[in-house]
N, C-alpha and C. Protein backbone atom coordinates (compact mmCIF):
# COMPACT_ATOMS: atom_id res chain seq x y z
N MET A 1 -11.46 -11.31 -27.55
CA MET A 1 -12.20 -11.16 -26.30
C MET A 1 -11.79 -12.24 -25.31
N SER A 2 -11.48 -13.40 -25.76
CA SER A 2 -11.08 -14.50 -24.89
C SER A 2 -9.80 -14.18 -24.13
N PHE A 3 -8.88 -13.49 -24.79
CA PHE A 3 -7.64 -13.09 -24.14
C PHE A 3 -7.92 -12.20 -22.94
N PHE A 4 -8.80 -11.23 -23.10
CA PHE A 4 -9.12 -10.32 -22.00
C PHE A 4 -9.82 -11.03 -20.86
N VAL A 5 -10.73 -11.92 -21.18
CA VAL A 5 -11.46 -12.64 -20.14
C VAL A 5 -10.50 -13.52 -19.34
N HIS A 6 -9.58 -14.16 -20.02
CA HIS A 6 -8.65 -15.06 -19.35
C HIS A 6 -7.63 -14.30 -18.50
N TYR A 7 -7.20 -13.17 -18.97
CA TYR A 7 -6.14 -12.42 -18.29
C TYR A 7 -6.61 -11.12 -17.65
N GLN A 8 -7.88 -10.97 -17.40
CA GLN A 8 -8.39 -9.70 -16.89
C GLN A 8 -7.85 -9.40 -15.49
N TYR A 9 -7.62 -10.41 -14.68
CA TYR A 9 -7.06 -10.20 -13.34
C TYR A 9 -5.64 -9.65 -13.44
N VAL A 10 -4.83 -10.23 -14.31
CA VAL A 10 -3.45 -9.78 -14.49
C VAL A 10 -3.42 -8.38 -15.11
N ILE A 11 -4.29 -8.14 -16.05
CA ILE A 11 -4.35 -6.82 -16.69
C ILE A 11 -4.81 -5.76 -15.69
N ALA A 12 -5.77 -6.11 -14.86
CA ALA A 12 -6.24 -5.16 -13.85
C ALA A 12 -5.12 -4.81 -12.88
N TRP A 13 -4.34 -5.80 -12.44
CA TRP A 13 -3.22 -5.52 -11.54
C TRP A 13 -2.14 -4.70 -12.24
N ALA A 14 -1.89 -4.96 -13.51
CA ALA A 14 -0.89 -4.18 -14.24
C ALA A 14 -1.32 -2.72 -14.34
N VAL A 15 -2.58 -2.48 -14.63
CA VAL A 15 -3.10 -1.11 -14.70
C VAL A 15 -3.02 -0.45 -13.33
N TYR A 16 -3.38 -1.20 -12.28
CA TYR A 16 -3.32 -0.65 -10.92
C TYR A 16 -1.89 -0.29 -10.53
N LEU A 17 -0.94 -1.17 -10.85
CA LEU A 17 0.46 -0.90 -10.50
C LEU A 17 1.01 0.31 -11.27
N LEU A 18 0.66 0.43 -12.52
CA LEU A 18 1.08 1.61 -13.29
C LEU A 18 0.47 2.89 -12.73
N ALA A 19 -0.80 2.84 -12.38
CA ALA A 19 -1.44 4.01 -11.78
C ALA A 19 -0.83 4.32 -10.41
N GLY A 20 -0.51 3.28 -9.64
CA GLY A 20 0.14 3.48 -8.35
C GLY A 20 1.51 4.11 -8.49
N MET A 21 2.27 3.68 -9.49
CA MET A 21 3.57 4.30 -9.72
C MET A 21 3.42 5.76 -10.13
N GLY A 22 2.40 6.05 -10.93
CA GLY A 22 2.14 7.44 -11.30
C GLY A 22 1.78 8.28 -10.08
N CYS A 23 0.96 7.72 -9.20
CA CYS A 23 0.62 8.44 -7.96
C CYS A 23 1.85 8.66 -7.09
N CYS A 24 2.73 7.66 -7.04
CA CYS A 24 3.95 7.81 -6.25
C CYS A 24 4.86 8.89 -6.82
N VAL A 25 4.95 8.97 -8.13
CA VAL A 25 5.78 10.02 -8.75
C VAL A 25 5.23 11.40 -8.38
N VAL A 26 3.92 11.56 -8.47
CA VAL A 26 3.31 12.84 -8.10
C VAL A 26 3.53 13.12 -6.62
N TRP A 27 3.38 12.10 -5.77
CA TRP A 27 3.57 12.27 -4.32
C TRP A 27 5.03 12.64 -4.01
N TRP A 28 5.98 12.02 -4.73
CA TRP A 28 7.39 12.36 -4.53
C TRP A 28 7.64 13.82 -4.86
N LYS A 29 7.06 14.30 -5.95
CA LYS A 29 7.22 15.71 -6.33
C LYS A 29 6.58 16.62 -5.29
N MET A 30 5.41 16.23 -4.79
CA MET A 30 4.73 17.06 -3.79
C MET A 30 5.48 17.11 -2.47
N THR A 31 6.07 16.00 -2.07
CA THR A 31 6.77 15.96 -0.78
C THR A 31 8.22 16.43 -0.88
N SER A 32 8.70 16.72 -2.07
CA SER A 32 10.08 17.17 -2.20
C SER A 32 10.30 18.55 -1.60
N ILE A 33 9.24 19.31 -1.39
CA ILE A 33 9.40 20.64 -0.81
C ILE A 33 9.49 20.62 0.72
N ILE A 34 9.24 19.46 1.33
CA ILE A 34 9.32 19.34 2.78
C ILE A 34 10.79 19.31 3.18
N GLY A 35 11.18 20.20 4.07
CA GLY A 35 12.57 20.33 4.45
C GLY A 35 13.07 19.23 5.37
N ASN A 36 12.25 18.75 6.27
CA ASN A 36 12.65 17.72 7.21
C ASN A 36 12.68 16.37 6.51
N ARG A 37 13.86 15.78 6.42
CA ARG A 37 14.02 14.54 5.67
C ARG A 37 13.24 13.37 6.27
N ALA A 38 13.21 13.29 7.60
CA ALA A 38 12.51 12.19 8.26
C ALA A 38 11.01 12.24 7.99
N VAL A 39 10.44 13.43 8.07
CA VAL A 39 9.00 13.57 7.80
C VAL A 39 8.70 13.27 6.33
N ARG A 40 9.57 13.75 5.44
CA ARG A 40 9.38 13.51 4.01
C ARG A 40 9.42 12.01 3.71
N GLU A 41 10.39 11.29 4.28
CA GLU A 41 10.48 9.85 4.03
C GLU A 41 9.31 9.09 4.65
N MET A 42 8.85 9.55 5.80
CA MET A 42 7.71 8.89 6.44
C MET A 42 6.44 9.06 5.61
N LEU A 43 6.20 10.26 5.10
CA LEU A 43 5.03 10.48 4.25
C LEU A 43 5.10 9.65 2.98
N ARG A 44 6.29 9.56 2.40
CA ARG A 44 6.46 8.74 1.21
C ARG A 44 6.24 7.27 1.52
N GLY A 45 6.71 6.84 2.69
CA GLY A 45 6.50 5.45 3.10
C GLY A 45 5.04 5.11 3.31
N PHE A 46 4.30 6.04 3.93
CA PHE A 46 2.86 5.82 4.12
C PHE A 46 2.16 5.68 2.77
N ALA A 47 2.54 6.49 1.80
CA ALA A 47 1.92 6.40 0.48
C ALA A 47 2.20 5.05 -0.16
N ILE A 48 3.44 4.58 -0.05
CA ILE A 48 3.80 3.28 -0.63
C ILE A 48 3.03 2.16 0.05
N VAL A 49 2.93 2.22 1.38
CA VAL A 49 2.20 1.19 2.12
C VAL A 49 0.73 1.17 1.71
N LEU A 50 0.11 2.33 1.65
CA LEU A 50 -1.32 2.38 1.31
C LEU A 50 -1.60 1.94 -0.11
N ILE A 51 -0.70 2.27 -1.02
CA ILE A 51 -0.96 1.95 -2.43
C ILE A 51 -0.59 0.51 -2.77
N PHE A 52 0.53 0.02 -2.27
CA PHE A 52 1.08 -1.24 -2.79
C PHE A 52 0.97 -2.44 -1.86
N THR A 53 0.23 -2.36 -0.76
CA THR A 53 0.07 -3.53 0.11
C THR A 53 -1.11 -4.37 -0.36
N PRO A 54 -0.85 -5.60 -0.80
CA PRO A 54 -1.97 -6.46 -1.22
C PRO A 54 -2.48 -7.32 -0.07
N TRP A 55 -3.70 -7.81 -0.22
CA TRP A 55 -4.29 -8.74 0.74
C TRP A 55 -5.36 -9.54 0.04
N TYR A 56 -5.77 -10.64 0.66
CA TYR A 56 -6.78 -11.52 0.08
C TYR A 56 -8.08 -10.75 -0.14
N ALA A 57 -8.65 -10.92 -1.34
CA ALA A 57 -9.87 -10.20 -1.68
C ALA A 57 -11.12 -10.89 -1.16
N GLY A 58 -11.02 -12.16 -0.90
CA GLY A 58 -12.19 -12.90 -0.40
C GLY A 58 -11.78 -13.84 0.70
N ASP A 59 -12.52 -14.91 0.83
CA ASP A 59 -12.20 -15.90 1.86
C ASP A 59 -11.05 -16.81 1.44
N THR A 60 -10.81 -16.93 0.15
CA THR A 60 -9.74 -17.78 -0.35
C THR A 60 -8.55 -16.93 -0.79
N PRO A 61 -7.35 -17.47 -0.67
CA PRO A 61 -6.16 -16.70 -1.08
C PRO A 61 -5.89 -16.75 -2.58
N GLU A 62 -6.93 -16.97 -3.37
CA GLU A 62 -6.76 -17.07 -4.81
C GLU A 62 -6.57 -15.71 -5.46
N PHE A 63 -7.31 -14.71 -5.02
CA PHE A 63 -7.24 -13.38 -5.60
C PHE A 63 -6.82 -12.36 -4.56
N TYR A 64 -6.00 -11.43 -4.98
CA TYR A 64 -5.55 -10.35 -4.11
C TYR A 64 -6.15 -9.03 -4.56
N ALA A 65 -6.21 -8.10 -3.62
CA ALA A 65 -6.64 -6.73 -3.89
C ALA A 65 -5.83 -5.82 -2.98
N PRO A 66 -5.78 -4.54 -3.26
CA PRO A 66 -5.10 -3.63 -2.34
C PRO A 66 -5.73 -3.71 -0.95
N ALA A 67 -4.89 -3.73 0.08
CA ALA A 67 -5.38 -3.90 1.45
C ALA A 67 -6.31 -2.77 1.86
N VAL A 68 -6.08 -1.58 1.35
CA VAL A 68 -6.96 -0.45 1.67
C VAL A 68 -8.36 -0.71 1.13
N VAL A 69 -8.44 -1.24 -0.07
CA VAL A 69 -9.74 -1.54 -0.67
C VAL A 69 -10.42 -2.67 0.10
N VAL A 70 -9.66 -3.69 0.48
CA VAL A 70 -10.22 -4.80 1.26
C VAL A 70 -10.75 -4.26 2.59
N LEU A 71 -9.98 -3.41 3.25
CA LEU A 71 -10.39 -2.83 4.53
C LEU A 71 -11.67 -2.02 4.37
N LEU A 72 -11.71 -1.14 3.38
CA LEU A 72 -12.90 -0.30 3.18
C LEU A 72 -14.12 -1.11 2.81
N MET A 73 -13.97 -2.08 1.94
CA MET A 73 -15.12 -2.90 1.54
C MET A 73 -15.63 -3.76 2.71
N ASP A 74 -14.71 -4.29 3.50
CA ASP A 74 -15.14 -5.09 4.65
C ASP A 74 -15.87 -4.22 5.67
N VAL A 75 -15.35 -3.04 5.92
CA VAL A 75 -16.00 -2.16 6.90
C VAL A 75 -17.36 -1.69 6.40
N LEU A 76 -17.43 -1.33 5.13
CA LEU A 76 -18.69 -0.82 4.59
C LEU A 76 -19.75 -1.91 4.42
N LEU A 77 -19.34 -3.09 3.98
CA LEU A 77 -20.32 -4.12 3.66
C LEU A 77 -20.57 -5.11 4.79
N ALA A 78 -19.57 -5.39 5.61
CA ALA A 78 -19.73 -6.44 6.62
C ALA A 78 -19.62 -5.92 8.05
N GLY A 79 -19.33 -4.67 8.24
CA GLY A 79 -19.23 -4.12 9.59
C GLY A 79 -17.80 -4.02 10.07
N THR A 80 -17.63 -3.39 11.22
CA THR A 80 -16.28 -3.11 11.72
C THR A 80 -15.54 -4.36 12.18
N ALA A 81 -16.22 -5.37 12.64
CA ALA A 81 -15.55 -6.59 13.10
C ALA A 81 -14.85 -7.30 11.94
N SER A 82 -15.41 -7.22 10.77
CA SER A 82 -14.82 -7.85 9.60
C SER A 82 -13.68 -7.03 9.01
N GLY A 83 -13.61 -5.77 9.34
CA GLY A 83 -12.60 -4.91 8.75
C GLY A 83 -11.20 -5.16 9.25
N LEU A 84 -11.04 -6.10 10.15
CA LEU A 84 -9.71 -6.35 10.70
C LEU A 84 -8.79 -7.06 9.72
N LYS A 85 -9.33 -7.75 8.73
CA LYS A 85 -8.47 -8.48 7.79
C LYS A 85 -7.49 -7.53 7.08
N GLY A 86 -8.01 -6.53 6.43
CA GLY A 86 -7.15 -5.58 5.73
C GLY A 86 -6.44 -4.64 6.69
N GLY A 87 -7.05 -4.36 7.82
CA GLY A 87 -6.46 -3.42 8.76
C GLY A 87 -5.22 -3.96 9.45
N VAL A 88 -5.23 -5.24 9.80
CA VAL A 88 -4.07 -5.84 10.48
C VAL A 88 -2.86 -5.85 9.55
N VAL A 89 -3.07 -6.23 8.31
CA VAL A 89 -1.94 -6.26 7.39
C VAL A 89 -1.42 -4.84 7.13
N LEU A 90 -2.30 -3.86 7.07
CA LEU A 90 -1.83 -2.47 6.91
C LEU A 90 -1.05 -2.00 8.13
N LEU A 91 -1.51 -2.35 9.31
CA LEU A 91 -0.77 -1.99 10.53
C LEU A 91 0.60 -2.65 10.56
N PHE A 92 0.67 -3.91 10.22
CA PHE A 92 1.95 -4.62 10.21
C PHE A 92 2.90 -4.03 9.17
N THR A 93 2.40 -3.74 7.99
CA THR A 93 3.23 -3.17 6.94
C THR A 93 3.70 -1.77 7.32
N THR A 94 2.83 -0.99 7.92
CA THR A 94 3.22 0.35 8.38
C THR A 94 4.27 0.26 9.47
N PHE A 95 4.10 -0.66 10.40
CA PHE A 95 5.10 -0.85 11.45
C PHE A 95 6.44 -1.26 10.85
N SER A 96 6.43 -2.16 9.87
CA SER A 96 7.66 -2.58 9.21
C SER A 96 8.33 -1.41 8.50
N MET A 97 7.54 -0.58 7.85
CA MET A 97 8.08 0.59 7.17
C MET A 97 8.72 1.54 8.17
N LEU A 98 8.08 1.75 9.32
CA LEU A 98 8.63 2.64 10.35
C LEU A 98 9.92 2.06 10.95
N VAL A 99 10.00 0.75 11.11
CA VAL A 99 11.23 0.13 11.59
C VAL A 99 12.36 0.35 10.59
N VAL A 100 12.08 0.16 9.31
CA VAL A 100 13.10 0.37 8.28
C VAL A 100 13.57 1.83 8.27
N LEU A 101 12.64 2.76 8.37
CA LEU A 101 13.03 4.18 8.38
C LEU A 101 13.82 4.53 9.63
N THR A 102 13.47 3.95 10.76
CA THR A 102 14.22 4.20 12.00
C THR A 102 15.64 3.66 11.90
N VAL A 103 15.79 2.46 11.38
CA VAL A 103 17.13 1.89 11.20
C VAL A 103 17.95 2.75 10.24
N ARG A 104 17.33 3.23 9.18
CA ARG A 104 18.04 4.11 8.23
C ARG A 104 18.50 5.40 8.91
N GLN A 105 17.65 5.96 9.77
CA GLN A 105 18.02 7.19 10.48
C GLN A 105 19.20 6.93 11.41
N PHE A 106 19.17 5.83 12.16
CA PHE A 106 20.28 5.51 13.06
C PHE A 106 21.57 5.28 12.29
N ARG A 107 21.49 4.57 11.18
CA ARG A 107 22.69 4.33 10.37
C ARG A 107 23.22 5.62 9.77
N ARG A 108 22.34 6.52 9.41
CA ARG A 108 22.77 7.78 8.82
C ARG A 108 23.52 8.64 9.85
N TYR A 109 23.04 8.65 11.09
CA TYR A 109 23.67 9.48 12.11
C TYR A 109 24.91 8.83 12.71
N ARG A 110 25.01 7.52 12.70
CA ARG A 110 26.18 6.83 13.24
C ARG A 110 27.31 6.75 12.24
N GLY A 111 26.99 6.72 10.97
CA GLY A 111 28.02 6.51 9.96
C GLY A 111 28.27 7.73 9.21
């Protein structure tokens, strides 16, 4: 029991990452039928951003949680003004993902 208590944070993240990878595999299969490559990659990118973006779970940077969960918990428990913590990081990560996809599209058409 001591092992679980000491490593429960690491075990929880390992379970979350495995479940996230499983969700991504299912999402990849579901989006494989979309004919437009740009839309398919964008939908896959949104799924990766929503599932795998971490952010501080509390006031201290000691523990992380998925940014979507942080955003939802802040909005539900502390109001909309507090929900900016998880929301800003999700916006930045989404913007970064869109920049990467745009650069890939330009490189694909130029080369």
